[in-house]
């Protein structure tokens, strides 16, 4: 399912397509804003999004075999809830 299909699904159950688009965009904007502030976003029955920081480390260039330094960075991690996991078993 892509974003347009999600908007369509929301519109079929609740309101007009335009209102559904505003609702979905607002929800995604709120999630982005919280993650930007490094706050976790927990949606009950769905899962948790959070920012995870990785440490700098040493790696190896697979082409040349040269040792390289991989910088620290931030990743977005998602952990599915128990309810969501049980749906896909």
C-alpha atoms as a PDB file:
ATOM      1  CA  UNK A   1       0.000   0.000   0.000  1.00  0.00           C
ATOM      2  CA  UNK A   2       1.322   3.404  -0.914  1.00  0.00           C
ATOM      3  CA  UNK A   3       0.340   6.841   0.382  1.00  0.00           C
ATOM      4  CA  UNK A   4      -2.404   7.387  -2.220  1.00  0.00           C
ATOM      5  CA  UNK A   5      -3.954   4.007  -1.425  1.00  0.00           C
ATOM      6  CA  UNK A   6      -3.829   4.800   2.289  1.00  0.00           C
ATOM      7  CA  UNK A   7      -5.645   8.087   1.681  1.00  0.00           C
ATOM      8  CA  UNK A   8      -8.249   6.252  -0.402  1.00  0.00           C
ATOM      9  CA  UNK A   9      -8.782   3.650   2.337  1.00  0.00           C
ATOM     10  CA  UNK A  10      -9.263   6.355   4.977  1.00  0.00           C
ATOM     11  CA  UNK A  11     -11.654   8.254   2.707  1.00  0.00           C
ATOM     12  CA  UNK A  12     -13.812   5.167   2.109  1.00  0.00           C
ATOM     13  CA  UNK A  13     -14.311   4.612   5.839  1.00  0.00           C
ATOM     14  CA  UNK A  14     -14.597   8.146   7.204  1.00  0.00           C
ATOM     15  CA  UNK A  15     -14.807  11.234   5.036  1.00  0.00           C
ATOM     16  CA  UNK A  16     -14.055  12.804   1.674  1.00  0.00           C
ATOM     17  CA  UNK A  17     -10.810  12.105  -0.135  1.00  0.00           C
ATOM     18  CA  UNK A  18      -9.608  15.677   0.423  1.00  0.00           C
ATOM     19  CA  UNK A  19     -10.274  15.485   4.179  1.00  0.00           C
ATOM     20  CA  UNK A  20      -8.574  12.082   4.335  1.00  0.00           C
ATOM     21  CA  UNK A  21      -5.526  13.503   2.559  1.00  0.00           C
ATOM     22  CA  UNK A  22      -5.301  16.326   5.110  1.00  0.00           C
ATOM     23  CA  UNK A  23      -5.647  13.823   7.967  1.00  0.00           C
ATOM     24  CA  UNK A  24      -2.948  11.480   6.628  1.00  0.00           C
ATOM     25  CA  UNK A  25      -0.573  14.365   5.825  1.00  0.00           C
ATOM     26  CA  UNK A  26      -1.103  15.847   9.301  1.00  0.00           C
ATOM     27  CA  UNK A  27      -0.412  12.507  10.960  1.00  0.00           C
ATOM     28  CA  UNK A  28       2.775  11.961   8.945  1.00  0.00           C
ATOM     29  CA  UNK A  29       3.908  15.532   9.636  1.00  0.00           C
ATOM     30  CA  UNK A  30       3.396  15.000  13.383  1.00  0.00           C
ATOM     31  CA  UNK A  31       5.431  11.772  13.270  1.00  0.00           C
ATOM     32  CA  UNK A  32       8.226  13.500  11.314  1.00  0.00           C
ATOM     33  CA  UNK A  33       8.239  16.415  13.775  1.00  0.00           C
ATOM     34  CA  UNK A  34       8.524  14.150  16.801  1.00  0.00           C
ATOM     35  CA  UNK A  35      11.316  12.091  15.228  1.00  0.00           C
ATOM     36  CA  UNK A  36      13.147  15.303  14.297  1.00  0.00           C
ATOM     37  CA  UNK A  37      13.078  16.227  18.011  1.00  0.00           C
ATOM     38  CA  UNK A  38      14.346  12.687  18.760  1.00  0.00           C
ATOM     39  CA  UNK A  39      11.099  11.770  20.522  1.00  0.00           C
ATOM     40  CA  UNK A  40       9.681   8.270  20.171  1.00  0.00           C
ATOM     41  CA  UNK A  41       6.258   7.911  18.527  1.00  0.00           C
ATOM     42  CA  UNK A  42       4.140   5.082  19.930  1.00  0.00           C
ATOM     43  CA  UNK A  43       0.916   4.126  18.195  1.00  0.00           C
ATOM     44  CA  UNK A  44      -0.955   1.680  20.396  1.00  0.00           C
ATOM     45  CA  UNK A  45      -1.677  -1.595  18.620  1.00  0.00           C
ATOM     46  CA  UNK A  46       0.677  -0.688  15.754  1.00  0.00           C
ATOM     47  CA  UNK A  47       4.207  -0.020  16.953  1.00  0.00           C
ATOM     48  CA  UNK A  48       6.887   2.473  17.931  1.00  0.00           C
ATOM     49  CA  UNK A  49       9.089   4.684  15.780  1.00  0.00           C
ATOM     50  CA  UNK A  50      12.263   6.024  17.365  1.00  0.00           C
ATOM     51  CA  UNK A  51      15.584   7.599  16.463  1.00  0.00           C
ATOM     52  CA  UNK A  52      18.507   5.279  17.047  1.00  0.00           C
ATOM     53  CA  UNK A  53      22.082   6.563  17.118  1.00  0.00           C
ATOM     54  CA  UNK A  54      24.893   4.381  15.813  1.00  0.00           C
ATOM     55  CA  UNK A  55      28.501   4.796  16.903  1.00  0.00           C
ATOM     56  CA  UNK A  56      31.401   5.530  14.585  1.00  0.00           C
ATOM     57  CA  UNK A  57      33.214   2.374  13.549  1.00  0.00           C
ATOM     58  CA  UNK A  58      35.920   1.010  11.329  1.00  0.00           C
ATOM     59  CA  UNK A  59      34.900  -0.742   8.128  1.00  0.00           C
ATOM     60  CA  UNK A  60      36.493  -2.130   5.017  1.00  0.00           C
ATOM     61  CA  UNK A  61      36.020  -1.090   1.393  1.00  0.00           C
ATOM     62  CA  UNK A  62      35.003  -4.359  -0.329  1.00  0.00           C
ATOM     63  CA  UNK A  63      36.572  -3.344  -3.655  1.00  0.00           C
ATOM     64  CA  UNK A  64      40.011  -2.319  -2.453  1.00  0.00           C
ATOM     65  CA  UNK A  65      40.208  -3.929   0.977  1.00  0.00           C
ATOM     66  CA  UNK A  66      41.194  -0.531   2.376  1.00  0.00           C
ATOM     67  CA  UNK A  67      40.202   0.220   5.977  1.00  0.00           C
ATOM     68  CA  UNK A  68      37.812   3.167   6.247  1.00  0.00           C
ATOM     69  CA  UNK A  69      36.202   5.073   9.093  1.00  0.00           C
ATOM     70  CA  UNK A  70      32.379   4.946   9.086  1.00  0.00           C
ATOM     71  CA  UNK A  71      30.958   8.010  10.870  1.00  0.00           C
ATOM     72  CA  UNK A  72      28.297   7.934  13.593  1.00  0.00           C
ATOM     73  CA  UNK A  73      24.768   8.538  12.314  1.00  0.00           C
ATOM     74  CA  UNK A  74      21.125   8.510  13.287  1.00  0.00           C
ATOM     75  CA  UNK A  75      18.645   5.935  11.981  1.00  0.00           C
ATOM     76  CA  UNK A  76      14.902   5.598  12.283  1.00  0.00           C
ATOM     77  CA  UNK A  77      13.899   2.310  13.856  1.00  0.00           C
ATOM     78  CA  UNK A  78      10.420   0.756  13.975  1.00  0.00           C
ATOM     79  CA  UNK A  79       9.346  -1.901  16.406  1.00  0.00           C
ATOM     80  CA  UNK A  80       6.012  -3.553  15.704  1.00  0.00           C
ATOM     81  CA  UNK A  81       3.552  -4.077  18.554  1.00  0.00           C
ATOM     82  CA  UNK A  82       2.542  -7.522  19.750  1.00  0.00           C
ATOM     83  CA  UNK A  83      -0.879  -7.099  18.119  1.00  0.00           C
ATOM     84  CA  UNK A  84       0.630  -6.210  14.728  1.00  0.00           C
ATOM     85  CA  UNK A  85       3.086  -9.100  14.902  1.00  0.00           C
ATOM     86  CA  UNK A  86       0.274 -11.543  15.625  1.00  0.00           C
ATOM     87  CA  UNK A  87      -1.590 -10.418  12.472  1.00  0.00           C
ATOM     88  CA  UNK A  88       1.246 -11.470  10.168  1.00  0.00           C
ATOM     89  CA  UNK A  89       1.986 -14.861  11.737  1.00  0.00           C
END
